[in-house]
Amino acid sequence: MQDRPQDKLKLYRLVPVAAANDPNWDNADYQGEVVVRAFSAADARVVAAQAELDFTEIDASPAEGNSTRDASAFRNERLYTVVEMLDRQGLADGPRGVVEGLVSVGTIKPTQIP
């Protein structure tokens, strides 16, 4: 997906839209605004989710090919909206990925056994 010469990367801003007390945040950490280079608004959600740590990247369950990327807060429309941005200072030129903002790799929490 990295090489799509017919499509130009654009800048997208992922903005939290849910209130701090929204129950959808119970399963996700608040990460603030993030700007990414992507092919579309849908791809922007994928790019941000890919910047997070995934179970398949560490020695932790569920591993064995079961990705947690689909569970990212960035993919939840109730938590984040995606806004296309005008290119400023040529920021859209470059590789697909996160341009501004910090995406935590601490999104996987250890299981708490009572």
C-alpha atoms as a PDB file:
ATOM      1  CA  MET A   1       0.000   0.000   0.000  1.00  0.00           C
ATOM      2  CA  GLN A   2       3.022   2.249   0.377  1.00  0.00           C
ATOM      3  CA  ASP A   3       3.523   2.657  -3.380  1.00  0.00           C
ATOM      4  CA  ARG A   4       0.444   4.084  -5.074  1.00  0.00           C
ATOM      5  CA  PRO A   5       1.869   6.557  -7.588  1.00  0.00           C
ATOM      6  CA  GLN A   6      -1.575   7.385  -8.983  1.00  0.00           C
ATOM      7  CA  ASP A   7      -2.649   8.716  -5.579  1.00  0.00           C
ATOM      8  CA  LYS A   8      -1.048  11.658  -3.819  1.00  0.00           C
ATOM      9  CA  LEU A   9      -0.737  11.582  -0.069  1.00  0.00           C
ATOM     10  CA  LYS A  10      -2.736  14.221   1.768  1.00  0.00           C
ATOM     11  CA  LEU A  11      -2.656  15.547   5.305  1.00  0.00           C
ATOM     12  CA  TYR A  12      -5.374  14.507   7.740  1.00  0.00           C
ATOM     13  CA  ARG A  13      -5.946  15.574  11.318  1.00  0.00           C
ATOM     14  CA  LEU A  14      -7.509  13.077  13.716  1.00  0.00           C
ATOM     15  CA  VAL A  15      -9.377  15.026  16.377  1.00  0.00           C
ATOM     16  CA  PRO A  16     -10.945  13.571  19.538  1.00  0.00           C
ATOM     17  CA  VAL A  17     -14.685  14.266  19.570  1.00  0.00           C
ATOM     18  CA  ALA A  18     -15.916  12.291  22.578  1.00  0.00           C
ATOM     19  CA  ALA A  19     -16.279  13.897  25.987  1.00  0.00           C
ATOM     20  CA  ALA A  20     -13.762  12.847  28.635  1.00  0.00           C
ATOM     21  CA  ASN A  21     -16.477  10.907  30.482  1.00  0.00           C
ATOM     22  CA  ASP A  22     -17.695   9.052  27.361  1.00  0.00           C
ATOM     23  CA  PRO A  23     -17.743   5.299  28.095  1.00  0.00           C
ATOM     24  CA  ASN A  24     -16.041   4.633  24.742  1.00  0.00           C
ATOM     25  CA  TRP A  25     -12.809   5.917  26.350  1.00  0.00           C
ATOM     26  CA  ASP A  26     -12.958   3.033  28.869  1.00  0.00           C
ATOM     27  CA  ASN A  27     -11.180   0.764  26.395  1.00  0.00           C
ATOM     28  CA  ALA A  28      -8.823   3.343  24.905  1.00  0.00           C
ATOM     29  CA  ASP A  29      -6.309   5.934  26.013  1.00  0.00           C
ATOM     30  CA  TYR A  30      -6.837   9.557  25.045  1.00  0.00           C
ATOM     31  CA  GLN A  31      -4.053  10.423  22.592  1.00  0.00           C
ATOM     32  CA  GLY A  32      -4.942  13.976  21.605  1.00  0.00           C
ATOM     33  CA  GLU A  33      -4.771  15.293  18.055  1.00  0.00           C
ATOM     34  CA  VAL A  34      -2.599  13.572  15.482  1.00  0.00           C
ATOM     35  CA  VAL A  35      -1.700  14.663  11.943  1.00  0.00           C
ATOM     36  CA  VAL A  36      -0.911  11.944   9.407  1.00  0.00           C
ATOM     37  CA  ARG A  37       0.009  11.598   5.739  1.00  0.00           C
ATOM     38  CA  ALA A  38      -2.437   9.200   4.107  1.00  0.00           C
ATOM     39  CA  PHE A  39      -4.320   8.426   0.900  1.00  0.00           C
ATOM     40  CA  SER A  40      -7.815   9.022   2.321  1.00  0.00           C
ATOM     41  CA  ALA A  41      -9.699   9.736   5.546  1.00  0.00           C
ATOM     42  CA  ALA A  42     -10.166   6.001   6.073  1.00  0.00           C
ATOM     43  CA  ASP A  43      -6.472   5.396   5.442  1.00  0.00           C
ATOM     44  CA  ALA A  44      -5.651   8.150   7.974  1.00  0.00           C
ATOM     45  CA  ARG A  45      -7.340   6.069  10.692  1.00  0.00           C
ATOM     46  CA  VAL A  46      -5.285   3.048   9.628  1.00  0.00           C
ATOM     47  CA  VAL A  47      -2.034   5.050   9.611  1.00  0.00           C
ATOM     48  CA  ALA A  48      -2.634   6.313  13.161  1.00  0.00           C
ATOM     49  CA  ALA A  49      -3.614   2.831  14.375  1.00  0.00           C
ATOM     50  CA  GLN A  50      -0.472   1.353  12.833  1.00  0.00           C
ATOM     51  CA  ALA A  51       1.646   3.743  14.915  1.00  0.00           C
ATOM     52  CA  GLU A  52       0.319   2.133  18.103  1.00  0.00           C
ATOM     53  CA  LEU A  53       1.870  -0.972  19.614  1.00  0.00           C
ATOM     54  CA  ASP A  54       0.168  -4.172  18.487  1.00  0.00           C
ATOM     55  CA  PHE A  55      -0.059  -7.508  20.297  1.00  0.00           C
ATOM     56  CA  THR A  56       1.720  -9.166  17.370  1.00  0.00           C
ATOM     57  CA  GLU A  57       4.781  -6.967  17.996  1.00  0.00           C
ATOM     58  CA  ILE A  58       5.354  -8.170  21.557  1.00  0.00           C
ATOM     59  CA  ASP A  59       5.387 -11.478  23.368  1.00  0.00           C
ATOM     60  CA  ALA A  60       1.859 -11.211  24.738  1.00  0.00           C
ATOM     61  CA  SER A  61      -1.500 -12.805  24.102  1.00  0.00           C
ATOM     62  CA  PRO A  62      -3.372 -12.917  21.829  1.00  0.00           C
ATOM     63  CA  ALA A  63      -0.340 -12.758  19.446  1.00  0.00           C
ATOM     64  CA  GLU A  64      -0.119 -15.660  17.000  1.00  0.00           C
ATOM     65  CA  GLY A  65      -1.426 -13.481  14.187  1.00  0.00           C
ATOM     66  CA  ASN A  66      -4.297 -11.814  16.058  1.00  0.00           C
ATOM     67  CA  SER A  67      -3.834  -8.095  15.577  1.00  0.00           C
ATOM     68  CA  THR A  68      -5.297  -5.441  17.857  1.00  0.00           C
ATOM     69  CA  ARG A  69      -5.090  -2.710  15.179  1.00  0.00           C
ATOM     70  CA  ASP A  70      -8.840  -2.870  14.502  1.00  0.00           C
ATOM     71  CA  ALA A  71      -9.518  -2.029  18.157  1.00  0.00           C
ATOM     72  CA  SER A  72      -7.611   1.261  18.035  1.00  0.00           C
ATOM     73  CA  ALA A  73      -9.383   4.376  19.304  1.00  0.00           C
ATOM     74  CA  PHE A  74      -8.340   6.096  16.074  1.00  0.00           C
ATOM     75  CA  ARG A  75     -10.641   3.748  14.149  1.00  0.00           C
ATOM     76  CA  ASN A  76     -13.640   4.521  16.381  1.00  0.00           C
ATOM     77  CA  GLU A  77     -15.839   7.235  14.847  1.00  0.00           C
ATOM     78  CA  ARG A  78     -17.343   7.929  18.260  1.00  0.00           C
ATOM     79  CA  LEU A  79     -13.922   8.896  19.609  1.00  0.00           C
ATOM     80  CA  TYR A  80     -12.144  10.538  16.664  1.00  0.00           C
ATOM     81  CA  THR A  81     -13.148  12.457  13.579  1.00  0.00           C
ATOM     82  CA  VAL A  82     -10.883  12.906  10.566  1.00  0.00           C
ATOM     83  CA  VAL A  83     -10.444  16.299   8.908  1.00  0.00           C
ATOM     84  CA  GLU A  84      -8.557  16.795   5.649  1.00  0.00           C
ATOM     85  CA  MET A  85      -6.028  19.612   5.949  1.00  0.00           C
ATOM     86  CA  LEU A  86      -4.588  21.955   3.367  1.00  0.00           C
ATOM     87  CA  ASP A  87      -0.946  21.167   2.690  1.00  0.00           C
ATOM     88  CA  ARG A  88       1.191  23.706   4.452  1.00  0.00           C
ATOM     89  CA  GLN A  89       4.866  24.034   3.614  1.00  0.00           C
ATOM     90  CA  GLY A  90       4.905  20.795   1.624  1.00  0.00           C
ATOM     91  CA  LEU A  91       4.206  18.552   4.633  1.00  0.00           C
ATOM     92  CA  ALA A  92       2.185  16.201   2.423  1.00  0.00           C
ATOM     93  CA  ASP A  93       5.409  15.351   0.604  1.00  0.00           C
ATOM     94  CA  GLY A  94       6.998  12.390   2.291  1.00  0.00           C
ATOM     95  CA  PRO A  95       6.197   8.867   3.376  1.00  0.00           C
ATOM     96  CA  ARG A  96       2.813   7.670   4.600  1.00  0.00           C
ATOM     97  CA  GLY A  97       2.773   8.010   8.404  1.00  0.00           C
ATOM     98  CA  VAL A  98       2.386  10.229  11.455  1.00  0.00           C
ATOM     99  CA  VAL A  99       3.556  13.815  10.849  1.00  0.00           C
ATOM    100  CA  GLU A 100       2.603  15.582  14.094  1.00  0.00           C
ATOM    101  CA  GLY A 101       1.463  14.476  17.512  1.00  0.00           C
ATOM    102  CA  LEU A 102       2.492  11.586  19.686  1.00  0.00           C
ATOM    103  CA  VAL A 103       0.951   8.159  19.373  1.00  0.00           C
ATOM    104  CA  SER A 104       1.537   6.149  22.512  1.00  0.00           C
ATOM    105  CA  VAL A 105       2.993   2.676  22.298  1.00  0.00           C
ATOM    106  CA  GLY A 106       1.631   2.070  25.808  1.00  0.00           C
ATOM    107  CA  THR A 107      -1.836   1.195  24.546  1.00  0.00           C
ATOM    108  CA  ILE A 108      -1.580  -2.442  25.598  1.00  0.00           C
ATOM    109  CA  LYS A 109      -2.257  -2.754  29.278  1.00  0.00           C
ATOM    110  CA  PRO A 110      -1.393  -5.775  31.409  1.00  0.00           C
ATOM    111  CA  THR A 111      -4.318  -7.875  32.496  1.00  0.00           C
ATOM    112  CA  GLN A 112      -5.368  -7.181  36.058  1.00  0.00           C
ATOM    113  CA  ILE A 113      -6.229 -10.361  37.947  1.00  0.00           C
ATOM    114  CA  PRO A 114      -8.368  -9.653  41.013  1.00  0.00           C
END
